[in-house]
């Protein structure tokens, strides 16, 4: 029996009326939507009890295509990890013209505990806003932990597109998705990859990014150490950080899956809402 991605992803807490993890949720690990290079899941997907998934939707597809309602996955808001301890340290700009989604990794440990994640986010905030980077907030719009939880990063990203920051400079026109960990020798957990699919699909809907095979986007770079200001850049609608800056991010194991798995599965999920 074929099980749709919508049903499978509901087991990970996507959309209104998410079902409990059980036989349907385990189908992913039993041969459906297998993640290349991933071991059998050691971390079960979970739905944070304090953050029920909302029921809203957003338009998607090309600007002349039909409007789609792709549900927003469960996303823990910035206030959960930042509270009053991590204020925005400068002016944040809207990203008014989002053309593509850019995948990063944080580097650092892969064996962190669930209860360590919030403090890790505060640590990255401190590094990004401190003397080393001097950015106004944590760099990324959204982060995904090994347990499959999605966290709002830069302030305001849940409600609308906010311009992020990046090592090597930011060429612009993106929203930044960051997997927590180092992925040079291993891939993210299946729970994290599933969450990545749902987040990419929802953001593509919100920003009207066409994920279909064969599509690409072009823009004039605002300036990075790979694409100087004024350079015309053409890329896939979901790309890795190393495509935009001179870096090894998001890791040698994750990077090829950005196009071959994350984009493909997110496009298939979006297609189920047409």
C-alpha atoms as a PDB file:
ATOM      1  CA  UNK A   1       0.000   0.000   0.000  1.00  0.00           C
ATOM      2  CA  UNK A   2       1.338   3.418  -0.945  1.00  0.00           C
ATOM      3  CA  UNK A   3       1.466   5.885   1.923  1.00  0.00           C
ATOM      4  CA  UNK A   4       1.580   9.555   0.957  1.00  0.00           C
ATOM      5  CA  UNK A   5       4.247  11.897   2.224  1.00  0.00           C
ATOM      6  CA  UNK A   6       1.510  13.943   3.842  1.00  0.00           C
ATOM      7  CA  UNK A   7       0.520  11.012   6.064  1.00  0.00           C
ATOM      8  CA  UNK A   8       4.116  10.109   6.874  1.00  0.00           C
ATOM      9  CA  UNK A   9       5.040  13.668   7.704  1.00  0.00           C
ATOM     10  CA  UNK A  10       1.957  14.093   9.849  1.00  0.00           C
ATOM     11  CA  UNK A  11       3.505  11.506  12.148  1.00  0.00           C
ATOM     12  CA  UNK A  12       6.383  13.916  12.670  1.00  0.00           C
ATOM     13  CA  UNK A  13       4.050  16.711  13.733  1.00  0.00           C
ATOM     14  CA  UNK A  14       3.257  18.451  10.459  1.00  0.00           C
ATOM     15  CA  UNK A  15      -0.035  20.215   9.905  1.00  0.00           C
ATOM     16  CA  UNK A  16      -3.213  20.277  11.883  1.00  0.00           C
ATOM     17  CA  UNK A  17      -4.322  17.057  13.493  1.00  0.00           C
ATOM     18  CA  UNK A  18      -0.892  15.417  13.572  1.00  0.00           C
ATOM     19  CA  UNK A  19      -1.169  11.731  14.380  1.00  0.00           C
ATOM     20  CA  UNK A  20       0.809   9.899  17.006  1.00  0.00           C
ATOM     21  CA  UNK A  21       4.005   8.155  15.965  1.00  0.00           C
ATOM     22  CA  UNK A  22       3.258   4.503  15.340  1.00  0.00           C
ATOM     23  CA  UNK A  23       3.027   2.029  12.476  1.00  0.00           C
ATOM     24  CA  UNK A  24       2.482   4.742   9.877  1.00  0.00           C
ATOM     25  CA  UNK A  25       5.312   6.886  11.220  1.00  0.00           C
ATOM     26  CA  UNK A  26       7.708   3.944  11.192  1.00  0.00           C
ATOM     27  CA  UNK A  27       7.020   3.344   7.503  1.00  0.00           C
ATOM     28  CA  UNK A  28       9.676   5.901   6.623  1.00  0.00           C
ATOM     29  CA  UNK A  29      12.322   3.783   8.307  1.00  0.00           C
ATOM     30  CA  UNK A  30      10.916   0.597   6.772  1.00  0.00           C
ATOM     31  CA  UNK A  31      11.524   1.432   3.146  1.00  0.00           C
ATOM     32  CA  UNK A  32       9.554   4.549   2.272  1.00  0.00           C
ATOM     33  CA  UNK A  33      11.474   7.788   1.707  1.00  0.00           C
ATOM     34  CA  UNK A  34      14.798   6.255   2.711  1.00  0.00           C
ATOM     35  CA  UNK A  35      17.589   8.729   3.388  1.00  0.00           C
ATOM     36  CA  UNK A  36      20.832   7.812   1.569  1.00  0.00           C
ATOM     37  CA  UNK A  37      23.685   7.207   3.969  1.00  0.00           C
ATOM     38  CA  UNK A  38      21.526   7.188   7.073  1.00  0.00           C
ATOM     39  CA  UNK A  39      21.614   4.350   9.580  1.00  0.00           C
ATOM     40  CA  UNK A  40      18.412   2.920  11.045  1.00  0.00           C
ATOM     41  CA  UNK A  41      16.781   5.676  13.094  1.00  0.00           C
ATOM     42  CA  UNK A  42      18.113   5.918  16.634  1.00  0.00           C
ATOM     43  CA  UNK A  43      16.023   8.983  17.417  1.00  0.00           C
ATOM     44  CA  UNK A  44      12.255   8.768  17.176  1.00  0.00           C
ATOM     45  CA  UNK A  45      10.335  11.705  15.754  1.00  0.00           C
ATOM     46  CA  UNK A  46       8.388  13.590  18.367  1.00  0.00           C
ATOM     47  CA  UNK A  47       5.881  16.390  18.580  1.00  0.00           C
ATOM     48  CA  UNK A  48       6.683  18.995  21.269  1.00  0.00           C
ATOM     49  CA  UNK A  49       3.650  18.912  23.533  1.00  0.00           C
ATOM     50  CA  UNK A  50       3.948  22.634  24.242  1.00  0.00           C
ATOM     51  CA  UNK A  51       3.822  23.654  20.589  1.00  0.00           C
ATOM     52  CA  UNK A  52       0.819  22.245  18.698  1.00  0.00           C
ATOM     53  CA  UNK A  53       1.092  22.559  14.924  1.00  0.00           C
ATOM     54  CA  UNK A  54      -0.847  25.450  13.421  1.00  0.00           C
ATOM     55  CA  UNK A  55      -3.332  25.006  10.633  1.00  0.00           C
ATOM     56  CA  UNK A  56      -2.437  27.939   8.395  1.00  0.00           C
ATOM     57  CA  UNK A  57      -1.159  27.709   4.825  1.00  0.00           C
ATOM     58  CA  UNK A  58       0.620  29.805   2.247  1.00  0.00           C
ATOM     59  CA  UNK A  59       0.754  30.166  -1.520  1.00  0.00           C
ATOM     60  CA  UNK A  60       3.392  28.264  -3.448  1.00  0.00           C
ATOM     61  CA  UNK A  61       4.640  27.487  -6.926  1.00  0.00           C
ATOM     62  CA  UNK A  62       5.627  29.835  -9.711  1.00  0.00           C
ATOM     63  CA  UNK A  63       4.132  33.307  -9.704  1.00  0.00           C
ATOM     64  CA  UNK A  64       1.641  32.331 -12.405  1.00  0.00           C
ATOM     65  CA  UNK A  65       0.775  28.928 -10.924  1.00  0.00           C
ATOM     66  CA  UNK A  66      -2.040  27.877  -8.601  1.00  0.00           C
ATOM     67  CA  UNK A  67      -2.004  28.920  -4.956  1.00  0.00           C
ATOM     68  CA  UNK A  68      -1.246  26.029  -2.603  1.00  0.00           C
ATOM     69  CA  UNK A  69      -1.866  25.578   1.116  1.00  0.00           C
ATOM     70  CA  UNK A  70       1.164  23.740   2.475  1.00  0.00           C
ATOM     71  CA  UNK A  71       0.816  23.543   6.281  1.00  0.00           C
ATOM     72  CA  UNK A  72       3.429  24.947   8.573  1.00  0.00           C
ATOM     73  CA  UNK A  73       5.306  22.320  10.576  1.00  0.00           C
ATOM     74  CA  UNK A  74       5.651  22.635  14.321  1.00  0.00           C
ATOM     75  CA  UNK A  75       8.259  25.355  14.923  1.00  0.00           C
ATOM     76  CA  UNK A  76       9.449  26.370  18.369  1.00  0.00           C
ATOM     77  CA  UNK A  77       9.463  30.188  18.503  1.00  0.00           C
ATOM     78  CA  UNK A  78      12.568  32.195  19.321  1.00  0.00           C
ATOM     79  CA  UNK A  79      11.181  33.042  22.759  1.00  0.00           C
ATOM     80  CA  UNK A  80      11.523  29.393  23.856  1.00  0.00           C
ATOM     81  CA  UNK A  81      15.329  29.498  23.724  1.00  0.00           C
ATOM     82  CA  UNK A  82      16.066  33.226  23.864  1.00  0.00           C
ATOM     83  CA  UNK A  83      13.609  34.504  26.460  1.00  0.00           C
ATOM     84  CA  UNK A  84      14.732  37.937  27.630  1.00  0.00           C
ATOM     85  CA  UNK A  85      18.422  36.967  27.603  1.00  0.00           C
ATOM     86  CA  UNK A  86      19.124  37.296  23.890  1.00  0.00           C
ATOM     87  CA  UNK A  87      17.937  40.685  22.612  1.00  0.00           C
ATOM     88  CA  UNK A  88      18.351  41.738  19.008  1.00  0.00           C
ATOM     89  CA  UNK A  89      21.551  43.760  18.918  1.00  0.00           C
ATOM     90  CA  UNK A  90      20.906  45.899  15.861  1.00  0.00           C
ATOM     91  CA  UNK A  91      18.632  46.619  12.948  1.00  0.00           C
ATOM     92  CA  UNK A  92      17.167  43.587  11.168  1.00  0.00           C
ATOM     93  CA  UNK A  93      16.211  43.938   7.524  1.00  0.00           C
ATOM     94  CA  UNK A  94      13.355  42.254   5.718  1.00  0.00           C
ATOM     95  CA  UNK A  95      14.293  39.922   2.863  1.00  0.00           C
ATOM     96  CA  UNK A  96      11.740  41.218   0.412  1.00  0.00           C
ATOM     97  CA  UNK A  97      12.757  39.058  -2.550  1.00  0.00           C
ATOM     98  CA  UNK A  98      13.414  35.446  -1.518  1.00  0.00           C
ATOM     99  CA  UNK A  99      14.546  33.417  -4.532  1.00  0.00           C
ATOM    100  CA  UNK A 100      15.941  30.271  -2.874  1.00  0.00           C
ATOM    101  CA  UNK A 101      16.599  28.424   0.404  1.00  0.00           C
ATOM    102  CA  UNK A 102      20.149  27.957   1.705  1.00  0.00           C
ATOM    103  CA  UNK A 103      21.158  24.953   3.845  1.00  0.00           C
ATOM    104  CA  UNK A 104      23.880  25.214   6.521  1.00  0.00           C
ATOM    105  CA  UNK A 105      25.268  23.193   9.409  1.00  0.00           C
ATOM    106  CA  UNK A 106      26.414  24.661  12.704  1.00  0.00           C
ATOM    107  CA  UNK A 107      29.445  22.396  13.163  1.00  0.00           C
ATOM    108  CA  UNK A 108      30.072  21.203  16.703  1.00  0.00           C
ATOM    109  CA  UNK A 109      28.791  18.142  18.538  1.00  0.00           C
ATOM    110  CA  UNK A 110      26.386  15.586  17.102  1.00  0.00           C
ATOM    111  CA  UNK A 111      25.724  13.787  20.416  1.00  0.00           C
ATOM    112  CA  UNK A 112      23.970  16.581  22.306  1.00  0.00           C
ATOM    113  CA  UNK A 113      21.020  15.830  24.553  1.00  0.00           C
ATOM    114  CA  UNK A 114      17.521  17.133  24.003  1.00  0.00           C
ATOM    115  CA  UNK A 115      17.745  19.378  27.062  1.00  0.00           C
ATOM    116  CA  UNK A 116      20.984  20.981  25.832  1.00  0.00           C
ATOM    117  CA  UNK A 117      19.595  22.444  22.616  1.00  0.00           C
ATOM    118  CA  UNK A 118      18.246  25.735  23.986  1.00  0.00           C
ATOM    119  CA  UNK A 119      21.564  26.565  25.648  1.00  0.00           C
ATOM    120  CA  UNK A 120      23.403  25.663  22.429  1.00  0.00           C
ATOM    121  CA  UNK A 121      21.234  28.135  20.541  1.00  0.00           C
ATOM    122  CA  UNK A 122      22.058  30.814  23.095  1.00  0.00           C
ATOM    123  CA  UNK A 123      25.743  29.983  22.636  1.00  0.00           C
ATOM    124  CA  UNK A 124      25.553  30.501  18.873  1.00  0.00           C
ATOM    125  CA  UNK A 125      23.628  33.726  19.438  1.00  0.00           C
ATOM    126  CA  UNK A 126      26.433  34.964  21.715  1.00  0.00           C
ATOM    127  CA  UNK A 127      29.094  34.050  19.161  1.00  0.00           C
ATOM    128  CA  UNK A 128      27.223  35.608  16.254  1.00  0.00           C
ATOM    129  CA  UNK A 129      26.451  38.867  18.079  1.00  0.00           C
ATOM    130  CA  UNK A 130      29.824  39.062  19.829  1.00  0.00           C
ATOM    131  CA  UNK A 131      33.166  40.539  18.728  1.00  0.00           C
ATOM    132  CA  UNK A 132      33.930  37.711  16.276  1.00  0.00           C
ATOM    133  CA  UNK A 133      30.945  38.342  13.991  1.00  0.00           C
ATOM    134  CA  UNK A 134      29.122  41.455  15.230  1.00  0.00           C
ATOM    135  CA  UNK A 135      25.859  40.379  13.630  1.00  0.00           C
ATOM    136  CA  UNK A 136      22.572  41.700  15.053  1.00  0.00           C
ATOM    137  CA  UNK A 137      21.148  38.264  15.933  1.00  0.00           C
ATOM    138  CA  UNK A 138      21.733  34.560  15.436  1.00  0.00           C
ATOM    139  CA  UNK A 139      22.564  34.114  11.757  1.00  0.00           C
ATOM    140  CA  UNK A 140      20.002  31.544  10.659  1.00  0.00           C
ATOM    141  CA  UNK A 141      16.279  31.908  10.120  1.00  0.00           C
ATOM    142  CA  UNK A 142      15.577  28.355  11.296  1.00  0.00           C
ATOM    143  CA  UNK A 143      17.562  25.553  12.931  1.00  0.00           C
ATOM    144  CA  UNK A 144      16.831  21.814  13.105  1.00  0.00           C
ATOM    145  CA  UNK A 145      18.104  19.602  15.918  1.00  0.00           C
ATOM    146  CA  UNK A 146      18.869  15.873  15.855  1.00  0.00           C
ATOM    147  CA  UNK A 147      15.495  15.099  17.423  1.00  0.00           C
ATOM    148  CA  UNK A 148      13.628  16.593  14.467  1.00  0.00           C
ATOM    149  CA  UNK A 149      12.577  19.771  16.235  1.00  0.00           C
ATOM    150  CA  UNK A 150      12.553  22.994  14.221  1.00  0.00           C
ATOM    151  CA  UNK A 151      13.533  26.197  16.025  1.00  0.00           C
ATOM    152  CA  UNK A 152      12.999  29.770  14.941  1.00  0.00           C
ATOM    153  CA  UNK A 153      16.381  31.469  14.844  1.00  0.00           C
ATOM    154  CA  UNK A 154      16.570  35.083  13.732  1.00  0.00           C
ATOM    155  CA  UNK A 155      13.869  37.239  15.272  1.00  0.00           C
ATOM    156  CA  UNK A 156      10.695  37.526  13.203  1.00  0.00           C
ATOM    157  CA  UNK A 157      11.427  34.641  10.831  1.00  0.00           C
ATOM    158  CA  UNK A 158       8.238  32.773  11.740  1.00  0.00           C
ATOM    159  CA  UNK A 159       6.064  35.627  10.523  1.00  0.00           C
ATOM    160  CA  UNK A 160       7.926  36.827   7.432  1.00  0.00           C
ATOM    161  CA  UNK A 161      11.229  36.627   5.581  1.00  0.00           C
ATOM    162  CA  UNK A 162      14.101  38.251   7.494  1.00  0.00           C
ATOM    163  CA  UNK A 163      17.561  38.775   6.017  1.00  0.00           C
ATOM    164  CA  UNK A 164      20.115  36.477   7.648  1.00  0.00           C
ATOM    165  CA  UNK A 165      23.895  36.579   8.019  1.00  0.00           C
ATOM    166  CA  UNK A 166      26.590  34.149   6.892  1.00  0.00           C
ATOM    167  CA  UNK A 167      30.316  33.501   7.152  1.00  0.00           C
ATOM    168  CA  UNK A 168      31.897  34.664   3.909  1.00  0.00           C
ATOM    169  CA  UNK A 169      29.246  37.308   3.405  1.00  0.00           C
ATOM    170  CA  UNK A 170      25.602  37.020   2.419  1.00  0.00           C
ATOM    171  CA  UNK A 171      24.744  37.199  -1.263  1.00  0.00           C
ATOM    172  CA  UNK A 172      21.116  37.769  -0.297  1.00  0.00           C
ATOM    173  CA  UNK A 173      17.794  36.552  -1.703  1.00  0.00           C
ATOM    174  CA  UNK A 174      17.523  33.515   0.612  1.00  0.00           C
ATOM    175  CA  UNK A 175      16.208  32.127   3.857  1.00  0.00           C
ATOM    176  CA  UNK A 176      18.712  30.148   5.890  1.00  0.00           C
ATOM    177  CA  UNK A 177      18.041  26.653   7.251  1.00  0.00           C
ATOM    178  CA  UNK A 178      20.675  25.197   9.563  1.00  0.00           C
ATOM    179  CA  UNK A 179      21.088  21.600  10.754  1.00  0.00           C
ATOM    180  CA  UNK A 180      22.605  21.430  14.226  1.00  0.00           C
ATOM    181  CA  UNK A 181      25.809  19.368  14.180  1.00  0.00           C
ATOM    182  CA  UNK A 182      28.749  18.547  11.913  1.00  0.00           C
ATOM    183  CA  UNK A 183      27.992  16.596   8.748  1.00  0.00           C
ATOM    184  CA  UNK A 184      31.340  15.976   7.077  1.00  0.00           C
ATOM    185  CA  UNK A 185      31.364  12.254   7.922  1.00  0.00           C
ATOM    186  CA  UNK A 186      27.766  11.454   8.834  1.00  0.00           C
ATOM    187  CA  UNK A 187      24.345  12.607   7.654  1.00  0.00           C
ATOM    188  CA  UNK A 188      21.736  14.172   9.931  1.00  0.00           C
ATOM    189  CA  UNK A 189      19.332  11.853  11.710  1.00  0.00           C
ATOM    190  CA  UNK A 190      16.230  10.693   9.821  1.00  0.00           C
ATOM    191  CA  UNK A 191      14.138  12.804  12.208  1.00  0.00           C
ATOM    192  CA  UNK A 192      16.153  15.898  11.308  1.00  0.00           C
ATOM    193  CA  UNK A 193      15.970  15.171   7.588  1.00  0.00           C
ATOM    194  CA  UNK A 194      12.199  14.684   7.757  1.00  0.00           C
ATOM    195  CA  UNK A 195      11.912  18.013   9.540  1.00  0.00           C
ATOM    196  CA  UNK A 196      14.073  19.577   6.839  1.00  0.00           C
ATOM    197  CA  UNK A 197      11.674  18.372   4.145  1.00  0.00           C
ATOM    198  CA  UNK A 198       8.655  19.850   5.907  1.00  0.00           C
ATOM    199  CA  UNK A 199      10.399  23.148   6.579  1.00  0.00           C
ATOM    200  CA  UNK A 200      11.615  23.496   2.989  1.00  0.00           C
ATOM    201  CA  UNK A 201       8.166  22.676   1.626  1.00  0.00           C
ATOM    202  CA  UNK A 202       6.460  25.218   3.874  1.00  0.00           C
ATOM    203  CA  UNK A 203       9.011  27.967   3.216  1.00  0.00           C
ATOM    204  CA  UNK A 204       8.845  27.324  -0.511  1.00  0.00           C
ATOM    205  CA  UNK A 205       5.074  27.756  -0.266  1.00  0.00           C
ATOM    206  CA  UNK A 206       5.328  30.912   1.804  1.00  0.00           C
ATOM    207  CA  UNK A 207       7.904  32.500  -0.488  1.00  0.00           C
ATOM    208  CA  UNK A 208       6.446  31.122  -3.750  1.00  0.00           C
ATOM    209  CA  UNK A 209       9.625  29.243  -4.675  1.00  0.00           C
ATOM    210  CA  UNK A 210       9.218  26.621  -7.385  1.00  0.00           C
ATOM    211  CA  UNK A 211      10.954  23.394  -6.306  1.00  0.00           C
ATOM    212  CA  UNK A 212      10.095  21.399  -9.433  1.00  0.00           C
ATOM    213  CA  UNK A 213      12.845  19.453 -11.193  1.00  0.00           C
ATOM    214  CA  UNK A 214      14.740  21.470 -13.761  1.00  0.00           C
ATOM    215  CA  UNK A 215      13.992  24.860 -12.218  1.00  0.00           C
ATOM    216  CA  UNK A 216      16.706  27.335 -11.273  1.00  0.00           C
ATOM    217  CA  UNK A 217      16.823  30.884  -9.995  1.00  0.00           C
ATOM    218  CA  UNK A 218      19.058  33.844 -10.806  1.00  0.00           C
ATOM    219  CA  UNK A 219      19.870  37.036  -8.945  1.00  0.00           C
ATOM    220  CA  UNK A 220      22.526  39.750  -8.703  1.00  0.00           C
ATOM    221  CA  UNK A 221      24.738  39.045  -5.671  1.00  0.00           C
ATOM    222  CA  UNK A 222      24.887  41.560  -2.860  1.00  0.00           C
ATOM    223  CA  UNK A 223      28.412  40.328  -2.178  1.00  0.00           C
ATOM    224  CA  UNK A 224      30.105  37.209  -0.759  1.00  0.00           C
ATOM    225  CA  UNK A 225      33.626  35.793  -0.951  1.00  0.00           C
ATOM    226  CA  UNK A 226      32.463  33.495  -3.772  1.00  0.00           C
ATOM    227  CA  UNK A 227      30.156  35.872  -5.625  1.00  0.00           C
ATOM    228  CA  UNK A 228      31.320  39.519  -5.507  1.00  0.00           C
ATOM    229  CA  UNK A 229      28.723  42.252  -5.457  1.00  0.00           C
ATOM    230  CA  UNK A 230      27.116  42.673  -8.860  1.00  0.00           C
ATOM    231  CA  UNK A 231      27.764  39.120 -10.080  1.00  0.00           C
ATOM    232  CA  UNK A 232      24.820  37.341 -11.694  1.00  0.00           C
ATOM    233  CA  UNK A 233      24.367  34.033  -9.855  1.00  0.00           C
ATOM    234  CA  UNK A 234      22.264  31.082 -11.030  1.00  0.00           C
ATOM    235  CA  UNK A 235      21.501  28.277  -8.593  1.00  0.00           C
ATOM    236  CA  UNK A 236      18.970  25.635  -7.644  1.00  0.00           C
ATOM    237  CA  UNK A 237      15.999  26.723  -5.515  1.00  0.00           C
ATOM    238  CA  UNK A 238      17.528  24.767  -2.590  1.00  0.00           C
ATOM    239  CA  UNK A 239      21.310  25.121  -2.313  1.00  0.00           C
ATOM    240  CA  UNK A 240      24.150  24.533   0.140  1.00  0.00           C
ATOM    241  CA  UNK A 241      26.144  27.280   1.832  1.00  0.00           C
ATOM    242  CA  UNK A 242      29.267  26.301  -0.123  1.00  0.00           C
ATOM    243  CA  UNK A 243      27.454  27.233  -3.329  1.00  0.00           C
ATOM    244  CA  UNK A 244      27.348  30.824  -2.124  1.00  0.00           C
ATOM    245  CA  UNK A 245      30.543  31.248  -0.062  1.00  0.00           C
ATOM    246  CA  UNK A 246      33.990  29.680   0.145  1.00  0.00           C
ATOM    247  CA  UNK A 247      33.270  27.198   2.927  1.00  0.00           C
ATOM    248  CA  UNK A 248      32.844  23.473   3.499  1.00  0.00           C
ATOM    249  CA  UNK A 249      29.367  24.046   4.968  1.00  0.00           C
ATOM    250  CA  UNK A 250      26.985  22.164   5.172  1.00  0.00           C
ATOM    251  CA  UNK A 251      29.438  19.239   5.282  1.00  0.00           C
ATOM    252  CA  UNK A 252      30.515  16.675   2.699  1.00  0.00           C
ATOM    253  CA  UNK A 253      27.831  14.138   3.652  1.00  0.00           C
ATOM    254  CA  UNK A 254      24.905  16.538   3.855  1.00  0.00           C
ATOM    255  CA  UNK A 255      25.775  18.700   0.857  1.00  0.00           C
ATOM    256  CA  UNK A 256      24.876  16.213  -1.918  1.00  0.00           C
ATOM    257  CA  UNK A 257      21.585  15.412  -0.179  1.00  0.00           C
ATOM    258  CA  UNK A 258      20.496  19.049  -0.352  1.00  0.00           C
ATOM    259  CA  UNK A 259      19.628  18.648  -4.020  1.00  0.00           C
ATOM    260  CA  UNK A 260      19.212  14.890  -4.373  1.00  0.00           C
ATOM    261  CA  UNK A 261      16.997  14.319  -1.330  1.00  0.00           C
ATOM    262  CA  UNK A 262      15.811  17.406   0.557  1.00  0.00           C
ATOM    263  CA  UNK A 263      14.714  19.318  -2.511  1.00  0.00           C
ATOM    264  CA  UNK A 264      13.261  16.245  -4.238  1.00  0.00           C
ATOM    265  CA  UNK A 265      11.207  15.155  -1.235  1.00  0.00           C
ATOM    266  CA  UNK A 266      10.063  18.698  -0.462  1.00  0.00           C
ATOM    267  CA  UNK A 267       8.965  19.143  -4.079  1.00  0.00           C
ATOM    268  CA  UNK A 268       7.029  15.861  -3.876  1.00  0.00           C
ATOM    269  CA  UNK A 269       5.366  17.007  -0.649  1.00  0.00           C
ATOM    270  CA  UNK A 270       4.371  20.340  -2.182  1.00  0.00           C
ATOM    271  CA  UNK A 271       2.977  18.472  -5.213  1.00  0.00           C
ATOM    272  CA  UNK A 272       0.580  16.563  -2.955  1.00  0.00           C
ATOM    273  CA  UNK A 273      -1.163  19.863  -2.160  1.00  0.00           C
ATOM    274  CA  UNK A 274      -1.828  20.713  -5.805  1.00  0.00           C
END
